[in-house]
N, C-alpha and C. Protein backbone atom coordinates (compact mmCIF):
# COMPACT_ATOMS: atom_id res chain seq x y z
N MET A 1 70.76 66.80 151.97
CA MET A 1 70.92 68.23 151.69
C MET A 1 69.68 68.75 150.95
N THR A 2 69.11 69.84 151.42
CA THR A 2 67.89 70.39 150.82
C THR A 2 68.21 71.11 149.53
N ARG A 3 67.42 70.82 148.49
CA ARG A 3 67.63 71.47 147.21
C ARG A 3 67.18 72.92 147.28
N GLN A 4 67.88 73.78 146.55
CA GLN A 4 67.51 75.18 146.51
C GLN A 4 66.12 75.35 145.89
N PRO A 5 65.34 76.35 146.35
CA PRO A 5 64.04 76.62 145.73
C PRO A 5 64.23 77.15 144.32
N ASP A 6 63.20 76.99 143.49
CA ASP A 6 63.30 77.54 142.15
C ASP A 6 63.24 79.06 142.22
N ARG A 7 63.78 79.68 141.18
CA ARG A 7 63.86 81.14 141.16
C ARG A 7 62.47 81.78 141.13
N TRP A 8 61.50 81.08 140.53
CA TRP A 8 60.13 81.60 140.49
C TRP A 8 59.58 81.76 141.90
N ALA A 9 59.77 80.75 142.75
CA ALA A 9 59.28 80.83 144.12
C ALA A 9 59.96 81.95 144.89
N GLU A 10 61.23 82.16 144.64
CA GLU A 10 61.93 83.24 145.31
C GLU A 10 61.38 84.60 144.89
N LEU A 11 60.97 84.70 143.63
CA LEU A 11 60.44 85.97 143.12
C LEU A 11 59.03 86.26 143.62
N THR A 12 58.20 85.23 143.72
CA THR A 12 56.77 85.44 143.94
C THR A 12 56.27 84.98 145.30
N GLY A 13 57.02 84.12 145.96
CA GLY A 13 56.53 83.56 147.21
C GLY A 13 55.48 82.48 147.02
N GLY A 14 55.22 82.10 145.75
CA GLY A 14 54.27 81.03 145.48
C GLY A 14 52.81 81.42 145.58
N ASP A 15 52.51 82.70 145.49
CA ASP A 15 51.11 83.11 145.60
C ASP A 15 50.73 84.14 144.54
N ALA A 16 51.29 83.98 143.35
CA ALA A 16 51.11 84.99 142.29
C ALA A 16 50.03 84.63 141.28
N GLY A 17 49.33 83.52 141.51
CA GLY A 17 48.41 83.03 140.48
C GLY A 17 47.35 84.03 140.06
N GLU A 18 46.64 84.61 141.01
CA GLU A 18 45.54 85.50 140.66
C GLU A 18 46.04 86.77 139.95
N GLU A 19 47.13 87.33 140.44
CA GLU A 19 47.66 88.54 139.80
C GLU A 19 48.18 88.23 138.40
N TYR A 20 48.80 87.07 138.23
CA TYR A 20 49.28 86.66 136.91
C TYR A 20 48.11 86.55 135.93
N ALA A 21 47.02 85.94 136.39
CA ALA A 21 45.84 85.80 135.54
C ALA A 21 45.24 87.17 135.20
N ARG A 22 45.20 88.06 136.19
CA ARG A 22 44.65 89.40 135.94
C ARG A 22 45.50 90.16 134.93
N ARG A 23 46.81 89.97 134.98
CA ARG A 23 47.69 90.68 134.04
C ARG A 23 47.37 90.30 132.60
N PHE A 24 47.18 89.01 132.36
CA PHE A 24 46.87 88.59 130.99
C PHE A 24 45.44 88.95 130.61
N ALA A 25 44.54 88.99 131.57
CA ALA A 25 43.18 89.44 131.27
C ALA A 25 43.19 90.90 130.85
N ARG A 26 44.02 91.70 131.51
CA ARG A 26 44.12 93.11 131.12
C ARG A 26 44.71 93.25 129.72
N LEU A 27 45.71 92.44 129.41
CA LEU A 27 46.30 92.48 128.07
C LEU A 27 45.27 92.10 127.00
N ALA A 28 44.51 91.04 127.27
CA ALA A 28 43.48 90.61 126.31
C ALA A 28 42.42 91.69 126.16
N GLY A 29 42.05 92.30 127.29
CA GLY A 29 41.03 93.34 127.24
C GLY A 29 41.45 94.58 126.48
N SER A 30 42.76 94.82 126.42
CA SER A 30 43.26 95.99 125.69
C SER A 30 43.59 95.67 124.24
N GLY A 31 43.24 94.46 123.80
CA GLY A 31 43.40 94.11 122.39
C GLY A 31 44.65 93.35 122.04
N HIS A 32 45.47 92.99 123.03
CA HIS A 32 46.69 92.24 122.75
C HIS A 32 46.34 90.77 122.48
N ASP A 33 47.09 90.17 121.58
CA ASP A 33 46.96 88.73 121.32
C ASP A 33 47.75 87.99 122.39
N ILE A 34 47.06 87.25 123.23
CA ILE A 34 47.74 86.52 124.31
C ILE A 34 47.92 85.04 123.97
N HIS A 35 47.69 84.69 122.73
CA HIS A 35 47.76 83.28 122.33
C HIS A 35 48.90 82.99 121.36
N GLY A 36 49.94 83.82 121.38
CA GLY A 36 51.04 83.61 120.44
C GLY A 36 51.75 82.29 120.62
N GLU A 37 51.99 81.89 121.88
CA GLU A 37 52.67 80.61 122.12
C GLU A 37 51.82 79.43 121.64
N ALA A 38 50.52 79.50 121.91
CA ALA A 38 49.63 78.42 121.50
C ALA A 38 49.56 78.32 119.98
N ALA A 39 49.49 79.47 119.29
CA ALA A 39 49.45 79.46 117.83
C ALA A 39 50.75 78.89 117.27
N PHE A 40 51.87 79.25 117.87
CA PHE A 40 53.16 78.73 117.43
C PHE A 40 53.18 77.21 117.55
N CYS A 41 52.77 76.69 118.70
CA CYS A 41 52.78 75.24 118.91
C CYS A 41 51.78 74.53 118.01
N ALA A 42 50.61 75.12 117.85
CA ALA A 42 49.57 74.49 117.03
C ALA A 42 50.05 74.28 115.60
N ALA A 43 50.87 75.21 115.10
CA ALA A 43 51.38 75.09 113.74
C ALA A 43 52.34 73.91 113.58
N LEU A 44 52.86 73.41 114.69
CA LEU A 44 53.80 72.29 114.65
C LEU A 44 53.12 70.94 114.85
N LEU A 45 51.84 70.95 115.21
CA LEU A 45 51.16 69.74 115.64
C LEU A 45 50.20 69.20 114.59
N THR A 46 50.01 67.90 114.64
CA THR A 46 48.94 67.27 113.90
C THR A 46 47.68 67.28 114.77
N PRO A 47 46.50 67.04 114.19
CA PRO A 47 45.28 67.10 115.00
C PRO A 47 45.30 66.15 116.20
N ALA A 48 44.68 66.61 117.28
CA ALA A 48 44.51 65.81 118.50
C ALA A 48 45.84 65.32 119.06
N ALA A 49 46.84 66.18 119.05
CA ALA A 49 48.15 65.81 119.57
C ALA A 49 48.16 65.85 121.09
N ARG A 50 49.13 65.15 121.68
CA ARG A 50 49.34 65.18 123.13
C ARG A 50 50.41 66.22 123.44
N VAL A 51 50.08 67.12 124.35
CA VAL A 51 50.97 68.22 124.70
C VAL A 51 51.22 68.22 126.20
N LEU A 52 52.48 68.32 126.59
CA LEU A 52 52.86 68.49 127.97
C LEU A 52 53.28 69.95 128.17
N ASP A 53 52.52 70.66 128.95
CA ASP A 53 52.80 72.07 129.24
C ASP A 53 53.56 72.12 130.56
N ALA A 54 54.87 72.22 130.48
CA ALA A 54 55.75 72.15 131.65
C ALA A 54 55.95 73.54 132.22
N GLY A 55 55.51 73.73 133.45
CA GLY A 55 55.49 75.08 134.00
C GLY A 55 54.30 75.83 133.43
N CYS A 56 53.14 75.19 133.50
CA CYS A 56 51.95 75.68 132.79
C CYS A 56 51.35 76.94 133.39
N GLY A 57 51.74 77.28 134.62
CA GLY A 57 51.18 78.48 135.24
C GLY A 57 49.67 78.39 135.39
N THR A 58 48.98 79.42 134.98
CA THR A 58 47.52 79.47 135.10
C THR A 58 46.80 78.74 133.97
N GLY A 59 47.56 78.09 133.09
CA GLY A 59 46.96 77.26 132.06
C GLY A 59 46.54 77.98 130.80
N ARG A 60 47.00 79.21 130.64
CA ARG A 60 46.58 80.00 129.48
C ARG A 60 46.87 79.28 128.15
N ILE A 61 48.06 78.72 128.01
CA ILE A 61 48.45 78.10 126.73
C ILE A 61 47.75 76.76 126.57
N SER A 62 47.77 75.94 127.61
CA SER A 62 47.11 74.62 127.53
C SER A 62 45.63 74.75 127.21
N THR A 63 44.99 75.71 127.85
CA THR A 63 43.55 75.87 127.63
C THR A 63 43.27 76.24 126.18
N ARG A 64 44.08 77.10 125.62
CA ARG A 64 43.89 77.48 124.22
C ARG A 64 44.17 76.29 123.29
N LEU A 65 45.22 75.53 123.56
CA LEU A 65 45.51 74.37 122.72
C LEU A 65 44.39 73.33 122.84
N ALA A 66 43.81 73.18 124.01
CA ALA A 66 42.68 72.26 124.16
C ALA A 66 41.49 72.73 123.34
N GLU A 67 41.27 74.04 123.31
CA GLU A 67 40.20 74.59 122.49
C GLU A 67 40.42 74.28 121.01
N LEU A 68 41.69 74.14 120.63
CA LEU A 68 42.04 73.82 119.24
C LEU A 68 42.03 72.32 118.97
N GLY A 69 41.67 71.53 119.98
CA GLY A 69 41.49 70.10 119.77
C GLY A 69 42.61 69.20 120.24
N HIS A 70 43.58 69.76 120.95
CA HIS A 70 44.71 68.95 121.43
C HIS A 70 44.47 68.49 122.87
N HIS A 71 45.20 67.46 123.26
CA HIS A 71 45.06 66.86 124.59
C HIS A 71 46.23 67.32 125.44
N CYS A 72 45.96 68.14 126.44
CA CYS A 72 47.02 68.81 127.18
C CYS A 72 47.07 68.38 128.63
N THR A 73 48.29 68.23 129.11
CA THR A 73 48.56 68.00 130.52
C THR A 73 49.44 69.14 131.01
N GLY A 74 48.99 69.84 132.03
CA GLY A 74 49.78 70.93 132.58
C GLY A 74 50.40 70.54 133.90
N VAL A 75 51.67 70.91 134.08
CA VAL A 75 52.39 70.63 135.32
C VAL A 75 52.98 71.93 135.83
N ASP A 76 52.80 72.20 137.13
CA ASP A 76 53.42 73.39 137.71
C ASP A 76 53.69 73.13 139.18
N VAL A 77 54.70 73.81 139.70
CA VAL A 77 55.09 73.67 141.09
C VAL A 77 54.38 74.67 141.99
N ASP A 78 53.68 75.64 141.39
CA ASP A 78 53.05 76.73 142.13
C ASP A 78 51.56 76.45 142.31
N PRO A 79 51.11 76.12 143.54
CA PRO A 79 49.70 75.80 143.74
C PRO A 79 48.77 76.95 143.40
N SER A 80 49.22 78.19 143.59
CA SER A 80 48.34 79.33 143.30
C SER A 80 48.07 79.45 141.81
N MET A 81 49.04 79.09 140.99
CA MET A 81 48.85 79.09 139.54
C MET A 81 47.86 77.99 139.14
N LEU A 82 48.08 76.80 139.68
CA LEU A 82 47.20 75.68 139.32
C LEU A 82 45.78 75.89 139.82
N ALA A 83 45.60 76.61 140.90
CA ALA A 83 44.25 76.89 141.38
C ALA A 83 43.46 77.66 140.34
N VAL A 84 44.12 78.60 139.66
CA VAL A 84 43.46 79.36 138.60
C VAL A 84 43.17 78.44 137.41
N ALA A 85 44.16 77.63 137.03
CA ALA A 85 43.97 76.72 135.90
C ALA A 85 42.81 75.77 136.14
N ARG A 86 42.75 75.20 137.33
CA ARG A 86 41.68 74.24 137.64
C ARG A 86 40.33 74.91 137.70
N ARG A 87 40.29 76.13 138.14
CA ARG A 87 39.02 76.87 138.19
C ARG A 87 38.53 77.20 136.78
N ASP A 88 39.46 77.64 135.91
CA ASP A 88 39.07 78.10 134.58
C ASP A 88 38.88 76.97 133.58
N ALA A 89 39.56 75.84 133.80
CA ALA A 89 39.44 74.70 132.87
C ALA A 89 39.40 73.41 133.69
N PRO A 90 38.31 73.16 134.39
CA PRO A 90 38.25 72.04 135.34
C PRO A 90 38.31 70.66 134.71
N THR A 91 38.05 70.55 133.42
CA THR A 91 38.06 69.22 132.80
C THR A 91 39.44 68.82 132.28
N GLN A 92 40.39 69.73 132.31
CA GLN A 92 41.73 69.41 131.83
C GLN A 92 42.58 68.81 132.96
N GLU A 93 43.68 68.20 132.56
CA GLU A 93 44.57 67.56 133.53
C GLU A 93 45.63 68.55 134.00
N TRP A 94 45.61 68.83 135.30
CA TRP A 94 46.57 69.74 135.91
C TRP A 94 47.26 69.01 137.05
N LEU A 95 48.59 68.97 137.03
CA LEU A 95 49.35 68.24 138.03
C LEU A 95 50.28 69.18 138.79
N LEU A 96 50.26 69.06 140.11
CA LEU A 96 51.18 69.81 140.95
C LEU A 96 52.46 68.99 141.06
N GLY A 97 53.57 69.57 140.63
CA GLY A 97 54.81 68.82 140.70
C GLY A 97 56.01 69.63 140.27
N ASP A 98 57.16 69.16 140.70
CA ASP A 98 58.44 69.78 140.40
C ASP A 98 58.96 69.17 139.10
N LEU A 99 59.31 70.02 138.14
CA LEU A 99 59.80 69.51 136.85
C LEU A 99 61.09 68.72 137.01
N ALA A 100 61.85 69.00 138.05
CA ALA A 100 63.08 68.24 138.29
C ALA A 100 62.77 66.82 138.78
N ARG A 101 61.50 66.58 139.14
CA ARG A 101 61.06 65.25 139.56
C ARG A 101 59.88 64.80 138.70
N LEU A 102 59.89 65.20 137.47
CA LEU A 102 58.78 64.88 136.56
C LEU A 102 58.55 63.39 136.45
N ASP A 103 59.62 62.61 136.60
CA ASP A 103 59.51 61.16 136.45
C ASP A 103 58.74 60.52 137.60
N THR A 104 58.43 61.27 138.64
CA THR A 104 57.68 60.71 139.77
C THR A 104 56.18 60.97 139.69
N LEU A 105 55.74 61.67 138.65
CA LEU A 105 54.33 62.08 138.57
C LEU A 105 53.44 61.06 137.86
N GLY A 106 54.03 59.98 137.37
CA GLY A 106 53.24 58.94 136.73
C GLY A 106 52.70 59.29 135.36
N LEU A 107 53.38 60.21 134.67
CA LEU A 107 52.94 60.58 133.33
C LEU A 107 53.16 59.44 132.34
N LYS A 108 52.20 59.24 131.48
CA LYS A 108 52.37 58.29 130.39
C LYS A 108 53.23 58.95 129.33
N PRO A 109 54.37 58.35 128.95
CA PRO A 109 55.23 58.98 127.94
C PRO A 109 54.58 58.97 126.57
N GLY A 110 55.25 59.57 125.62
CA GLY A 110 54.74 59.58 124.25
C GLY A 110 54.09 60.88 123.84
N PHE A 111 54.43 61.99 124.53
CA PHE A 111 53.88 63.28 124.14
C PHE A 111 54.44 63.71 122.79
N ASP A 112 53.58 64.35 122.01
CA ASP A 112 54.02 64.87 120.71
C ASP A 112 54.83 66.15 120.87
N LEU A 113 54.54 66.90 121.92
CA LEU A 113 55.23 68.17 122.13
C LEU A 113 55.28 68.46 123.62
N ALA A 114 56.44 68.87 124.10
CA ALA A 114 56.58 69.39 125.46
C ALA A 114 56.94 70.86 125.35
N LEU A 115 56.24 71.67 126.11
CA LEU A 115 56.41 73.11 126.04
C LEU A 115 56.91 73.65 127.36
N ALA A 116 57.93 74.49 127.30
CA ALA A 116 58.40 75.22 128.48
C ALA A 116 58.50 76.68 128.08
N ALA A 117 57.39 77.38 128.20
CA ALA A 117 57.32 78.78 127.79
C ALA A 117 57.46 79.67 129.03
N GLY A 118 57.39 80.99 128.82
CA GLY A 118 57.35 81.90 129.94
C GLY A 118 58.57 81.88 130.85
N ASN A 119 59.74 81.69 130.27
CA ASN A 119 60.98 81.67 131.06
C ASN A 119 61.03 80.54 132.07
N VAL A 120 60.38 79.43 131.78
CA VAL A 120 60.40 78.30 132.70
C VAL A 120 61.83 77.84 132.97
N ILE A 121 62.62 77.65 131.93
CA ILE A 121 63.98 77.12 132.12
C ILE A 121 64.85 78.06 132.95
N PRO A 122 64.90 79.36 132.65
CA PRO A 122 65.73 80.24 133.49
C PRO A 122 65.26 80.37 134.93
N LEU A 123 64.00 80.05 135.21
CA LEU A 123 63.47 80.21 136.56
C LEU A 123 63.46 78.92 137.38
N LEU A 124 64.08 77.87 136.84
CA LEU A 124 64.20 76.63 137.60
C LEU A 124 65.17 76.79 138.76
N ALA A 125 65.11 75.85 139.69
CA ALA A 125 66.08 75.86 140.78
C ALA A 125 67.48 75.67 140.21
N PRO A 126 68.44 76.45 140.67
CA PRO A 126 69.80 76.33 140.16
C PRO A 126 70.33 74.90 140.25
N GLY A 127 70.90 74.44 139.15
CA GLY A 127 71.49 73.11 139.11
C GLY A 127 70.57 72.02 138.62
N THR A 128 69.25 72.32 138.53
CA THR A 128 68.30 71.29 138.11
C THR A 128 68.02 71.33 136.60
N GLU A 129 68.53 72.33 135.94
CA GLU A 129 68.15 72.53 134.53
C GLU A 129 68.46 71.32 133.64
N PRO A 130 69.65 70.73 133.72
CA PRO A 130 69.91 69.56 132.85
C PRO A 130 68.95 68.41 133.12
N ALA A 131 68.62 68.17 134.41
CA ALA A 131 67.71 67.08 134.73
C ALA A 131 66.32 67.35 134.17
N VAL A 132 65.87 68.60 134.24
CA VAL A 132 64.55 68.94 133.69
C VAL A 132 64.52 68.69 132.19
N VAL A 133 65.57 69.08 131.49
CA VAL A 133 65.62 68.85 130.04
C VAL A 133 65.59 67.35 129.76
N ARG A 134 66.30 66.56 130.55
CA ARG A 134 66.28 65.10 130.36
C ARG A 134 64.88 64.54 130.59
N HIS A 135 64.21 65.00 131.63
CA HIS A 135 62.87 64.49 131.92
C HIS A 135 61.88 64.87 130.82
N LEU A 136 61.98 66.09 130.33
CA LEU A 136 61.08 66.51 129.25
C LEU A 136 61.34 65.70 127.98
N THR A 137 62.60 65.43 127.72
CA THR A 137 62.95 64.60 126.55
C THR A 137 62.38 63.20 126.69
N ALA A 138 62.51 62.63 127.88
CA ALA A 138 62.01 61.27 128.10
C ALA A 138 60.50 61.18 127.96
N ALA A 139 59.81 62.30 128.19
CA ALA A 139 58.35 62.30 128.06
C ALA A 139 57.88 62.31 126.61
N LEU A 140 58.78 62.65 125.68
CA LEU A 140 58.41 62.77 124.27
C LEU A 140 58.42 61.42 123.57
N ARG A 141 57.59 61.30 122.57
CA ARG A 141 57.70 60.16 121.65
C ARG A 141 58.88 60.39 120.73
N PRO A 142 59.42 59.34 120.10
CA PRO A 142 60.43 59.55 119.05
C PRO A 142 59.86 60.47 117.97
N GLY A 143 60.60 61.50 117.63
CA GLY A 143 60.11 62.50 116.69
C GLY A 143 59.36 63.64 117.34
N GLY A 144 59.15 63.56 118.67
CA GLY A 144 58.46 64.62 119.40
C GLY A 144 59.32 65.86 119.56
N LEU A 145 58.68 66.95 119.90
CA LEU A 145 59.33 68.26 119.93
C LEU A 145 59.36 68.84 121.33
N LEU A 146 60.49 69.45 121.68
CA LEU A 146 60.59 70.29 122.87
C LEU A 146 60.64 71.73 122.40
N VAL A 147 59.67 72.52 122.84
CA VAL A 147 59.57 73.93 122.46
C VAL A 147 59.78 74.77 123.71
N THR A 148 60.73 75.69 123.64
CA THR A 148 61.05 76.52 124.79
C THR A 148 61.12 77.98 124.39
N GLY A 149 60.78 78.84 125.34
CA GLY A 149 60.96 80.27 125.15
C GLY A 149 61.65 80.84 126.37
N MET A 150 62.72 81.60 126.17
CA MET A 150 63.45 82.12 127.32
C MET A 150 64.15 83.42 127.01
N GLY A 151 64.16 84.29 128.02
CA GLY A 151 64.91 85.52 127.93
C GLY A 151 66.39 85.26 128.09
N LEU A 152 67.18 86.07 127.42
CA LEU A 152 68.63 85.91 127.45
C LEU A 152 69.34 87.11 128.04
N ASP A 153 68.57 88.12 128.42
CA ASP A 153 69.15 89.29 129.06
C ASP A 153 68.15 89.85 130.07
N ALA A 154 68.61 90.81 130.86
CA ALA A 154 67.78 91.34 131.94
C ALA A 154 66.50 91.99 131.43
N ALA A 155 66.53 92.50 130.20
CA ALA A 155 65.34 93.15 129.65
C ALA A 155 64.22 92.15 129.37
N HIS A 156 64.56 90.87 129.25
CA HIS A 156 63.57 89.85 128.92
C HIS A 156 63.39 88.83 130.04
N LEU A 157 63.87 89.17 131.23
CA LEU A 157 63.79 88.27 132.37
C LEU A 157 63.36 89.05 133.62
N PRO A 158 62.67 88.40 134.55
CA PRO A 158 62.37 89.05 135.83
C PRO A 158 63.52 88.88 136.82
N LEU A 159 64.74 88.92 136.29
CA LEU A 159 65.95 88.71 137.07
C LEU A 159 66.96 89.79 136.70
N PRO A 160 67.87 90.14 137.60
CA PRO A 160 68.85 91.18 137.28
C PRO A 160 69.85 90.78 136.22
N GLU A 161 70.07 89.48 136.07
CA GLU A 161 70.98 88.99 135.03
C GLU A 161 70.59 87.57 134.66
N PRO A 162 70.88 87.14 133.45
CA PRO A 162 70.48 85.79 133.03
C PRO A 162 71.26 84.72 133.78
N PRO A 163 70.57 83.69 134.26
CA PRO A 163 71.24 82.64 135.02
C PRO A 163 71.89 81.56 134.15
N LEU A 164 71.64 81.62 132.84
CA LEU A 164 72.20 80.62 131.93
C LEU A 164 72.37 81.25 130.55
N THR A 165 73.19 80.61 129.74
CA THR A 165 73.37 81.05 128.36
C THR A 165 72.64 80.10 127.42
N LEU A 166 72.40 80.57 126.23
CA LEU A 166 71.77 79.72 125.23
C LEU A 166 72.66 78.55 124.87
N ALA A 167 73.96 78.77 124.87
CA ALA A 167 74.90 77.68 124.58
C ALA A 167 74.81 76.58 125.64
N GLU A 168 74.66 76.98 126.91
CA GLU A 168 74.50 75.98 127.97
C GLU A 168 73.23 75.19 127.77
N PHE A 169 72.15 75.88 127.45
CA PHE A 169 70.89 75.20 127.22
C PHE A 169 71.00 74.21 126.06
N ASP A 170 71.62 74.64 124.98
CA ASP A 170 71.79 73.74 123.84
C ASP A 170 72.63 72.52 124.21
N ASP A 171 73.63 72.72 125.05
CA ASP A 171 74.45 71.59 125.50
C ASP A 171 73.60 70.59 126.28
N TRP A 172 72.72 71.09 127.16
CA TRP A 172 71.85 70.19 127.92
C TRP A 172 70.93 69.42 126.99
N CYS A 173 70.44 70.09 125.97
CA CYS A 173 69.55 69.42 125.00
C CYS A 173 70.31 68.35 124.23
N THR A 174 71.52 68.66 123.81
CA THR A 174 72.34 67.68 123.10
C THR A 174 72.62 66.47 123.98
N GLU A 175 72.97 66.72 125.24
CA GLU A 175 73.24 65.63 126.17
C GLU A 175 72.01 64.75 126.39
N ALA A 176 70.83 65.35 126.29
CA ALA A 176 69.58 64.60 126.47
C ALA A 176 69.17 63.85 125.20
N GLY A 177 69.88 64.09 124.10
CA GLY A 177 69.57 63.41 122.86
C GLY A 177 68.72 64.19 121.89
N LEU A 178 68.58 65.48 122.12
CA LEU A 178 67.77 66.32 121.25
C LEU A 178 68.62 67.00 120.18
N THR A 179 67.96 67.37 119.10
CA THR A 179 68.61 68.09 118.00
C THR A 179 67.85 69.39 117.75
N LEU A 180 68.57 70.50 117.64
CA LEU A 180 67.92 71.79 117.35
C LEU A 180 67.39 71.78 115.92
N ARG A 181 66.09 72.09 115.80
CA ARG A 181 65.46 72.12 114.47
C ARG A 181 65.23 73.54 113.98
N GLN A 182 64.76 74.41 114.89
CA GLN A 182 64.46 75.79 114.52
C GLN A 182 64.71 76.69 115.71
N ARG A 183 65.03 77.95 115.42
CA ARG A 183 65.14 78.94 116.49
C ARG A 183 64.67 80.29 115.98
N TYR A 184 63.90 80.98 116.80
CA TYR A 184 63.34 82.28 116.44
C TYR A 184 63.58 83.27 117.59
N ALA A 185 63.37 84.53 117.28
CA ALA A 185 63.54 85.58 118.29
C ALA A 185 62.24 85.92 119.01
N THR A 186 61.10 85.46 118.45
CA THR A 186 59.79 85.72 119.05
C THR A 186 58.86 84.55 118.75
N TRP A 187 57.73 84.54 119.44
CA TRP A 187 56.71 83.53 119.16
C TRP A 187 56.01 83.79 117.84
N ASP A 188 56.20 84.96 117.26
CA ASP A 188 55.66 85.26 115.94
C ASP A 188 56.54 84.73 114.83
N GLY A 189 57.71 84.16 115.18
CA GLY A 189 58.59 83.58 114.17
C GLY A 189 59.60 84.54 113.58
N ASP A 190 59.87 85.66 114.25
CA ASP A 190 60.91 86.56 113.76
C ASP A 190 62.26 85.86 113.80
N PRO A 191 63.12 86.11 112.82
CA PRO A 191 64.41 85.40 112.75
C PRO A 191 65.27 85.66 113.99
N TYR A 192 65.95 84.63 114.43
CA TYR A 192 66.88 84.77 115.54
C TYR A 192 68.27 85.08 114.99
N THR A 193 68.93 86.04 115.59
CA THR A 193 70.33 86.34 115.29
C THR A 193 71.09 86.45 116.61
N ASP A 194 72.38 86.23 116.56
CA ASP A 194 73.19 86.32 117.77
C ASP A 194 73.01 87.69 118.42
N GLY A 195 72.81 87.67 119.71
CA GLY A 195 72.62 88.92 120.44
C GLY A 195 71.17 89.24 120.73
N CYS A 196 70.24 88.46 120.17
CA CYS A 196 68.82 88.68 120.48
C CYS A 196 68.59 88.44 121.97
N GLY A 197 67.66 89.17 122.53
CA GLY A 197 67.40 89.05 123.96
C GLY A 197 66.43 87.95 124.32
N TYR A 198 65.85 87.30 123.32
CA TYR A 198 64.87 86.23 123.59
C TYR A 198 65.05 85.16 122.52
N ALA A 199 64.83 83.91 122.92
CA ALA A 199 64.96 82.80 121.98
C ALA A 199 63.81 81.83 122.13
N VAL A 200 63.17 81.52 121.03
CA VAL A 200 62.18 80.45 120.96
C VAL A 200 62.84 79.31 120.19
N SER A 201 63.02 78.19 120.85
CA SER A 201 63.77 77.07 120.27
C SER A 201 62.88 75.85 120.10
N VAL A 202 63.07 75.15 119.00
CA VAL A 202 62.38 73.90 118.73
C VAL A 202 63.43 72.81 118.59
N HIS A 203 63.47 71.92 119.56
CA HIS A 203 64.36 70.76 119.51
C HIS A 203 63.53 69.52 119.25
N VAL A 204 64.11 68.56 118.57
CA VAL A 204 63.40 67.33 118.23
C VAL A 204 64.11 66.13 118.84
N ARG A 205 63.31 65.21 119.33
CA ARG A 205 63.86 63.92 119.76
C ARG A 205 63.93 63.03 118.54
N PRO A 206 65.11 62.57 118.15
CA PRO A 206 65.24 61.78 116.92
C PRO A 206 64.30 60.58 116.91
N ALA A 207 63.86 60.24 115.70
CA ALA A 207 62.90 59.14 115.57
C ALA A 207 63.52 57.78 115.84
N SER A 208 64.83 57.69 115.79
CA SER A 208 65.48 56.41 116.06
C SER A 208 66.81 56.63 116.75
């Protein structure tokens, strides 16, 4: 039985890389800070940490973290996104792959942080979300962090309605062996309260 395509592919057709890059270039050109996710992650890391950018897109976050001295591996299922990443940061590691099959990509485990920003989790293929969380957890070292950002309502998603709840996501994390450490409403660290339309979550893989 063929697995359903991810929601991102259904939305974009798999050829959105150049337009996605142009959108962030326009934001940067107009004075917006486009490095909020990278700054958030950098504050959690020790120098020269290993970072897995899951659903890395055009590599905006990984490239910034590499500039800050971290060792980043980006994985994405969209070749058009990776084409931009490889063009703009050719010395970094970019892998084409499905996060639901992350265990087939030959990654060396022991990452200090795995990141799934930009609504990666809500845009996965339906039914694969728990497996993706398990694979990301397995890629972490003991004490490593899973950092995610996701919209919880239509105003914060490119979808007419949210495909999952925060409670469901937390259940998948618990089943994978993760513990919630922090949660915010923005990448700037604004406090999260029930009913917020966006959640930035930091889960930790226990050290033992």
